[in-house]
Amino acid sequence: MKCKCGTELAESIKFCPECGKKVEKPKPIPQSAETVIMQLQPLLTFNEATKLLRICRNTLYSLIEKGEIPFVVIGNRKKFLTKELLEWVASKQTTAS
């Protein structure tokens, strides 16, 4: 990492030893939506689905009871295929527009 004055700096330094200016840390590069989606597991648990959709548990239960949201049952647990869940969200966005 370099200061604006050109001095080579260690990562932990907060001020340049040569010019005394505050060292600005490089901002992280935001991830694209595709990169984030690729990091998701193909099969989500109930809690993971609520986090992905940013809804509470009761809302997800309600959507399941009404048959509005795609899910699969494995044993006695409800699971959500990530691809189907994202497609469902996309279809809701187009109908709301």
C-alpha atoms as a PDB file:
ATOM      1  CA  MET A   1       0.000   0.000   0.000  1.00  0.00           C
ATOM      2  CA  LYS A   2       1.281   3.481  -0.864  1.00  0.00           C
ATOM      3  CA  CYS A   3       0.620   6.938   0.531  1.00  0.00           C
ATOM      4  CA  LYS A   4      -0.321   9.782  -1.807  1.00  0.00           C
ATOM      5  CA  CYS A   5       3.227  11.111  -1.328  1.00  0.00           C
ATOM      6  CA  GLY A   6       4.599   7.837  -2.727  1.00  0.00           C
ATOM      7  CA  THR A   7       5.918   6.307   0.495  1.00  0.00           C
ATOM      8  CA  GLU A   8       5.463   2.550   0.779  1.00  0.00           C
ATOM      9  CA  LEU A   9       3.351   1.760   3.857  1.00  0.00           C
ATOM     10  CA  ALA A  10       2.623  -1.291   5.999  1.00  0.00           C
ATOM     11  CA  GLU A  11      -1.032  -2.406   6.242  1.00  0.00           C
ATOM     12  CA  SER A  12      -1.399  -1.483   9.924  1.00  0.00           C
ATOM     13  CA  ILE A  13      -0.172   2.139   9.639  1.00  0.00           C
ATOM     14  CA  LYS A  14      -2.799   4.852  10.088  1.00  0.00           C
ATOM     15  CA  PHE A  15      -0.616   7.891   9.317  1.00  0.00           C
ATOM     16  CA  CYS A  16       2.229   8.281   6.822  1.00  0.00           C
ATOM     17  CA  PRO A  17       5.603   8.610   8.595  1.00  0.00           C
ATOM     18  CA  GLU A  18       6.918  10.925   5.823  1.00  0.00           C
ATOM     19  CA  CYS A  19       4.093  13.437   5.245  1.00  0.00           C
ATOM     20  CA  GLY A  20       1.886  12.796   8.307  1.00  0.00           C
ATOM     21  CA  LYS A  21      -1.310  12.434   6.281  1.00  0.00           C
ATOM     22  CA  LYS A  22      -3.966   9.952   7.334  1.00  0.00           C
ATOM     23  CA  VAL A  23      -3.771   6.772   5.297  1.00  0.00           C
ATOM     24  CA  GLU A  24      -7.008   5.983   3.481  1.00  0.00           C
ATOM     25  CA  LYS A  25      -7.715   2.288   3.367  1.00  0.00           C
ATOM     26  CA  PRO A  26      -8.816   0.951  -0.035  1.00  0.00           C
ATOM     27  CA  LYS A  27     -12.551   0.307  -0.167  1.00  0.00           C
ATOM     28  CA  PRO A  28     -13.604  -3.301  -0.785  1.00  0.00           C
ATOM     29  CA  ILE A  29     -14.917  -4.062  -4.248  1.00  0.00           C
ATOM     30  CA  PRO A  30     -18.648  -4.816  -4.081  1.00  0.00           C
ATOM     31  CA  GLN A  31     -19.621  -8.282  -5.209  1.00  0.00           C
ATOM     32  CA  SER A  32     -21.941  -8.736  -8.134  1.00  0.00           C
ATOM     33  CA  ALA A  33     -25.294 -10.440  -7.612  1.00  0.00           C
ATOM     34  CA  GLU A  34     -24.091 -13.448  -9.618  1.00  0.00           C
ATOM     35  CA  THR A  35     -21.058 -13.881  -7.350  1.00  0.00           C
ATOM     36  CA  VAL A  36     -23.239 -13.794  -4.239  1.00  0.00           C
ATOM     37  CA  ILE A  37     -25.697 -16.292  -5.736  1.00  0.00           C
ATOM     38  CA  MET A  38     -22.865 -18.671  -6.667  1.00  0.00           C
ATOM     39  CA  GLN A  39     -21.765 -18.684  -2.998  1.00  0.00           C
ATOM     40  CA  LEU A  40     -25.184 -19.884  -1.810  1.00  0.00           C
ATOM     41  CA  GLN A  41     -25.841 -23.526  -1.096  1.00  0.00           C
ATOM     42  CA  PRO A  42     -28.161 -25.240  -3.616  1.00  0.00           C
ATOM     43  CA  LEU A  43     -30.471 -26.364  -0.804  1.00  0.00           C
ATOM     44  CA  LEU A  44     -31.465 -23.959   1.976  1.00  0.00           C
ATOM     45  CA  THR A  45     -32.830 -24.665   5.431  1.00  0.00           C
ATOM     46  CA  PHE A  46     -35.892 -22.857   6.762  1.00  0.00           C
ATOM     47  CA  ASN A  47     -33.758 -20.314   8.642  1.00  0.00           C
ATOM     48  CA  GLU A  48     -31.462 -19.735   5.655  1.00  0.00           C
ATOM     49  CA  ALA A  49     -34.513 -19.082   3.452  1.00  0.00           C
ATOM     50  CA  THR A  50     -35.850 -16.477   5.900  1.00  0.00           C
ATOM     51  CA  LYS A  51     -32.469 -14.735   5.869  1.00  0.00           C
ATOM     52  CA  LEU A  52     -32.214 -14.816   2.075  1.00  0.00           C
ATOM     53  CA  LEU A  53     -35.734 -13.453   1.634  1.00  0.00           C
ATOM     54  CA  ARG A  54     -35.364 -11.077   4.601  1.00  0.00           C
ATOM     55  CA  ILE A  55     -38.696 -12.126   6.047  1.00  0.00           C
ATOM     56  CA  CYS A  56     -39.690 -13.441   9.454  1.00  0.00           C
ATOM     57  CA  ARG A  57     -40.449 -17.083  10.204  1.00  0.00           C
ATOM     58  CA  ASN A  58     -44.200 -16.441  10.486  1.00  0.00           C
ATOM     59  CA  THR A  59     -44.325 -14.916   7.018  1.00  0.00           C
ATOM     60  CA  LEU A  60     -42.520 -17.912   5.539  1.00  0.00           C
ATOM     61  CA  TYR A  61     -44.874 -20.309   7.354  1.00  0.00           C
ATOM     62  CA  SER A  62     -47.826 -18.361   5.949  1.00  0.00           C
ATOM     63  CA  LEU A  63     -46.446 -18.514   2.391  1.00  0.00           C
ATOM     64  CA  ILE A  64     -45.947 -22.284   2.754  1.00  0.00           C
ATOM     65  CA  GLU A  65     -49.484 -22.831   4.076  1.00  0.00           C
ATOM     66  CA  LYS A  66     -50.971 -20.849   1.179  1.00  0.00           C
ATOM     67  CA  GLY A  67     -48.866 -22.812  -1.319  1.00  0.00           C
ATOM     68  CA  GLU A  68     -47.346 -19.616  -2.650  1.00  0.00           C
ATOM     69  CA  ILE A  69     -43.682 -20.496  -2.254  1.00  0.00           C
ATOM     70  CA  PRO A  70     -41.799 -23.520  -3.674  1.00  0.00           C
ATOM     71  CA  PHE A  71     -40.310 -25.972  -1.168  1.00  0.00           C
ATOM     72  CA  VAL A  72     -39.438 -29.641  -0.808  1.00  0.00           C
ATOM     73  CA  VAL A  73     -39.917 -31.927   2.163  1.00  0.00           C
ATOM     74  CA  ILE A  74     -36.954 -34.049   3.197  1.00  0.00           C
ATOM     75  CA  GLY A  75     -37.847 -36.289   6.086  1.00  0.00           C
ATOM     76  CA  ASN A  76     -39.991 -34.018   8.206  1.00  0.00           C
ATOM     77  CA  ARG A  77     -38.098 -30.833   7.296  1.00  0.00           C
ATOM     78  CA  LYS A  78     -39.006 -28.211   4.742  1.00  0.00           C
ATOM     79  CA  LYS A  79     -36.101 -27.244   2.496  1.00  0.00           C
ATOM     80  CA  PHE A  80     -35.852 -24.713  -0.284  1.00  0.00           C
ATOM     81  CA  LEU A  81     -34.053 -25.081  -3.596  1.00  0.00           C
ATOM     82  CA  THR A  82     -32.089 -21.862  -3.978  1.00  0.00           C
ATOM     83  CA  LYS A  83     -32.670 -21.628  -7.729  1.00  0.00           C
ATOM     84  CA  GLU A  84     -36.451 -22.066  -7.374  1.00  0.00           C
ATOM     85  CA  LEU A  85     -36.585 -19.569  -4.520  1.00  0.00           C
ATOM     86  CA  LEU A  86     -34.726 -16.922  -6.518  1.00  0.00           C
ATOM     87  CA  GLU A  87     -36.955 -17.574  -9.556  1.00  0.00           C
ATOM     88  CA  TRP A  88     -40.023 -17.188  -7.312  1.00  0.00           C
ATOM     89  CA  VAL A  89     -38.719 -13.839  -6.038  1.00  0.00           C
ATOM     90  CA  ALA A  90     -38.019 -12.689  -9.614  1.00  0.00           C
ATOM     91  CA  SER A  91     -41.564 -13.638 -10.688  1.00  0.00           C
ATOM     92  CA  LYS A  92     -42.997 -11.641  -7.768  1.00  0.00           C
ATOM     93  CA  GLN A  93     -40.958  -8.612  -8.782  1.00  0.00           C
ATOM     94  CA  THR A  94     -42.251  -8.679 -12.365  1.00  0.00           C
ATOM     95  CA  THR A  95     -45.880  -8.980 -11.250  1.00  0.00           C
ATOM     96  CA  ALA A  96     -45.476  -6.095  -8.786  1.00  0.00           C
ATOM     97  CA  SER A  97     -44.109  -3.762 -11.486  1.00  0.00           C
END
